[in-house]
Amino acid sequence: MSTISATGNTPSNAAPSFSTFEDRLTSSQSSQLLADYVKAHGGAVYKRDLEALASNAGGDTPPQVSAAASYMLSHPDVYTAIETLDNPNADGLSGHWNFADAANGALGSTGALADLKDVFDRAIASSAEITKLTTEKKTGLDATKQRPQN
């Protein structure tokens, strides 16, 4: 991507800012990824298992699964809601069936609120970046309009 700088016509090669896969995950997407993975690898996980998946300590966890596990760890209310779908007592253990139910909408407002919070967080970060860039460009334009003092 080429842009024109405010102080001249020299292009700057600013890399576009795209969110990573993890930044775009929702509670439903994370739940589906974990449902499939957990079903194929033991059937259930504890929070410490999610931590191992997120850090990819063994080096054999697919990146999407690591991202989904990170999502759950950064949204503890969502994970608690998932792991208590079949048992009202939070014990930290969640089976693949819990993740599958969550992926199919069983979280209700808990998942929606977490997803909405993430959207707002991304919007605020984007707004801050836009403000920073426009301020820099305006400062550059203002500097070019200054007349030399005699």
Protein backbone atom coordinates (compact mmCIF):
# COMPACT_ATOMS: atom_id res chain seq x y z
CA MET A 1 0.00 0.00 0.00
CA SER A 2 1.39 3.37 -0.96
CA THR A 3 0.34 6.67 0.55
CA ILE A 4 1.39 10.24 0.01
CA SER A 5 3.02 11.85 2.99
CA ALA A 6 1.75 15.17 4.30
CA THR A 7 5.08 16.92 3.81
CA GLY A 8 5.71 15.92 0.23
CA ASN A 9 4.92 13.47 -2.49
CA THR A 10 7.15 10.67 -1.37
CA PRO A 11 5.29 7.40 -0.84
CA SER A 12 5.43 5.70 2.48
CA ASN A 13 4.97 1.96 2.66
CA ALA A 14 2.67 1.70 5.60
CA ALA A 15 1.60 -1.85 6.22
CA PRO A 16 -2.16 -2.25 6.52
CA SER A 17 -3.36 -3.11 9.99
CA PHE A 18 -5.40 -6.33 9.93
CA SER A 19 -6.59 -8.14 13.02
CA THR A 20 -5.23 -11.56 13.71
CA PHE A 21 -7.33 -14.71 13.68
CA GLU A 22 -7.53 -14.64 17.47
CA ASP A 23 -8.78 -11.05 17.47
CA ARG A 24 -11.70 -12.06 15.26
CA LEU A 25 -12.79 -15.12 17.24
CA THR A 26 -16.22 -15.22 18.82
CA SER A 27 -17.44 -17.39 21.66
CA SER A 28 -19.26 -19.63 19.19
CA GLN A 29 -16.26 -20.05 16.89
CA SER A 30 -13.93 -20.75 19.80
CA SER A 31 -16.40 -23.25 21.21
CA GLN A 32 -16.68 -25.10 17.90
CA LEU A 33 -12.91 -25.29 17.46
CA LEU A 34 -12.51 -26.62 21.00
CA ALA A 35 -15.45 -29.03 20.66
CA ASP A 36 -13.85 -30.67 17.64
CA TYR A 37 -10.36 -30.75 19.13
CA VAL A 38 -11.35 -31.92 22.61
CA LYS A 39 -13.60 -34.65 21.17
CA ALA A 40 -10.65 -36.03 19.21
CA HIS A 41 -8.19 -35.65 22.13
CA GLY A 42 -9.68 -37.05 25.29
CA GLY A 43 -13.20 -35.70 25.46
CA ALA A 44 -12.84 -33.11 28.24
CA VAL A 45 -10.47 -30.43 29.50
CA TYR A 46 -9.70 -28.59 32.70
CA LYS A 47 -8.62 -24.95 32.78
CA ARG A 48 -4.97 -26.06 33.09
CA ASP A 49 -5.46 -28.05 29.85
CA LEU A 50 -6.72 -24.89 28.15
CA GLU A 51 -3.61 -23.09 29.39
CA ALA A 52 -1.42 -25.80 27.84
CA LEU A 53 -3.35 -25.58 24.55
CA ALA A 54 -3.12 -21.79 24.52
CA SER A 55 0.63 -21.77 25.11
CA ASN A 56 1.18 -24.72 22.74
CA ALA A 57 3.73 -26.02 25.23
CA GLY A 58 4.09 -29.33 23.38
CA GLY A 59 4.35 -27.65 19.98
CA ASP A 60 1.63 -29.85 18.49
CA THR A 61 -1.48 -27.76 19.02
CA PRO A 62 -2.96 -26.25 15.83
CA PRO A 63 -2.78 -22.43 15.89
CA GLN A 64 -6.57 -22.05 15.64
CA VAL A 65 -7.05 -24.30 18.67
CA SER A 66 -4.43 -22.31 20.61
CA ALA A 67 -6.29 -19.13 19.69
CA ALA A 68 -9.61 -20.63 20.80
CA ALA A 69 -8.10 -21.72 24.12
CA SER A 70 -6.63 -18.22 24.59
CA TYR A 71 -10.07 -16.78 23.90
CA MET A 72 -11.59 -18.92 26.67
CA LEU A 73 -8.84 -17.94 29.10
CA SER A 74 -9.33 -14.26 28.35
CA HIS A 75 -13.11 -14.64 28.78
CA PRO A 76 -13.44 -16.59 32.04
CA ASP A 77 -17.15 -15.80 32.31
CA VAL A 78 -17.72 -17.50 28.97
CA TYR A 79 -15.70 -20.57 29.99
CA THR A 80 -17.57 -20.80 33.29
CA ALA A 81 -20.89 -20.57 31.46
CA ILE A 82 -19.76 -23.35 29.10
CA GLU A 83 -18.46 -25.68 31.76
CA THR A 84 -21.64 -25.29 33.81
CA LEU A 85 -24.02 -26.07 30.93
CA ASP A 86 -24.34 -29.68 32.15
CA ASN A 87 -23.53 -29.18 35.83
CA PRO A 88 -24.42 -26.02 37.76
CA ASN A 89 -21.36 -26.40 40.01
CA ALA A 90 -18.30 -24.83 38.45
CA ASP A 91 -15.50 -27.39 38.68
CA GLY A 92 -13.29 -26.19 35.85
CA LEU A 93 -13.97 -29.30 33.73
CA SER A 94 -15.65 -28.97 30.36
CA GLY A 95 -16.47 -31.75 27.94
CA HIS A 96 -16.61 -31.54 24.18
CA TRP A 97 -20.42 -31.67 24.43
CA ASN A 98 -20.40 -28.43 26.45
CA PHE A 99 -18.33 -26.70 23.79
CA ALA A 100 -20.60 -28.09 21.05
CA ASP A 101 -23.72 -26.82 22.86
CA ALA A 102 -22.09 -23.41 23.27
CA ALA A 103 -21.19 -23.34 19.58
CA ASN A 104 -24.86 -23.98 18.82
CA GLY A 105 -26.05 -21.01 20.86
CA ALA A 106 -26.55 -22.42 24.37
CA LEU A 107 -24.67 -19.49 25.97
CA GLY A 108 -27.35 -16.99 25.17
CA SER A 109 -26.51 -13.50 26.36
CA THR A 110 -23.21 -14.51 28.02
CA GLY A 111 -21.59 -15.26 24.66
CA ALA A 112 -23.24 -12.30 22.98
CA LEU A 113 -21.99 -9.89 25.65
CA ALA A 114 -18.44 -11.21 25.40
CA ASP A 115 -18.54 -10.89 21.61
CA LEU A 116 -19.99 -7.39 21.83
CA LYS A 117 -17.27 -6.35 24.28
CA ASP A 118 -14.64 -7.63 21.84
CA VAL A 119 -16.21 -5.64 18.99
CA PHE A 120 -16.18 -2.48 21.10
CA ASP A 121 -12.58 -3.10 22.15
CA ARG A 122 -11.55 -3.46 18.48
CA ALA A 123 -13.50 -0.32 17.56
CA ILE A 124 -11.86 1.69 20.33
CA ALA A 125 -8.40 0.48 19.29
CA SER A 126 -9.12 1.35 15.65
CA SER A 127 -10.44 4.75 16.63
CA ALA A 128 -7.31 5.46 18.66
CA GLU A 129 -5.12 4.46 15.70
CA ILE A 130 -7.12 6.67 13.32
CA THR A 131 -6.87 9.60 15.73
CA LYS A 132 -3.12 9.11 16.02
CA LEU A 133 -2.63 8.95 12.24
CA THR A 134 -4.85 11.95 11.48
CA THR A 135 -3.14 14.00 14.18
CA GLU A 136 0.27 13.17 12.70
CA LYS A 137 -0.92 14.08 9.18
CA LYS A 138 -2.53 17.32 10.37
CA THR A 139 0.63 18.30 12.21
CA GLY A 140 2.62 17.70 9.03
CA LEU A 141 0.19 19.75 6.95
CA ASP A 142 0.19 22.58 9.48
CA ALA A 143 3.99 22.63 9.42
CA THR A 144 4.05 23.03 5.63
CA LYS A 145 1.65 26.01 5.82
CA GLN A 146 3.87 28.02 8.17
CA ARG A 147 5.44 31.05 6.55
CA PRO A 148 9.01 31.88 7.37
CA GLN A 149 9.48 34.82 9.74
CA ASN A 150 11.53 37.70 8.35
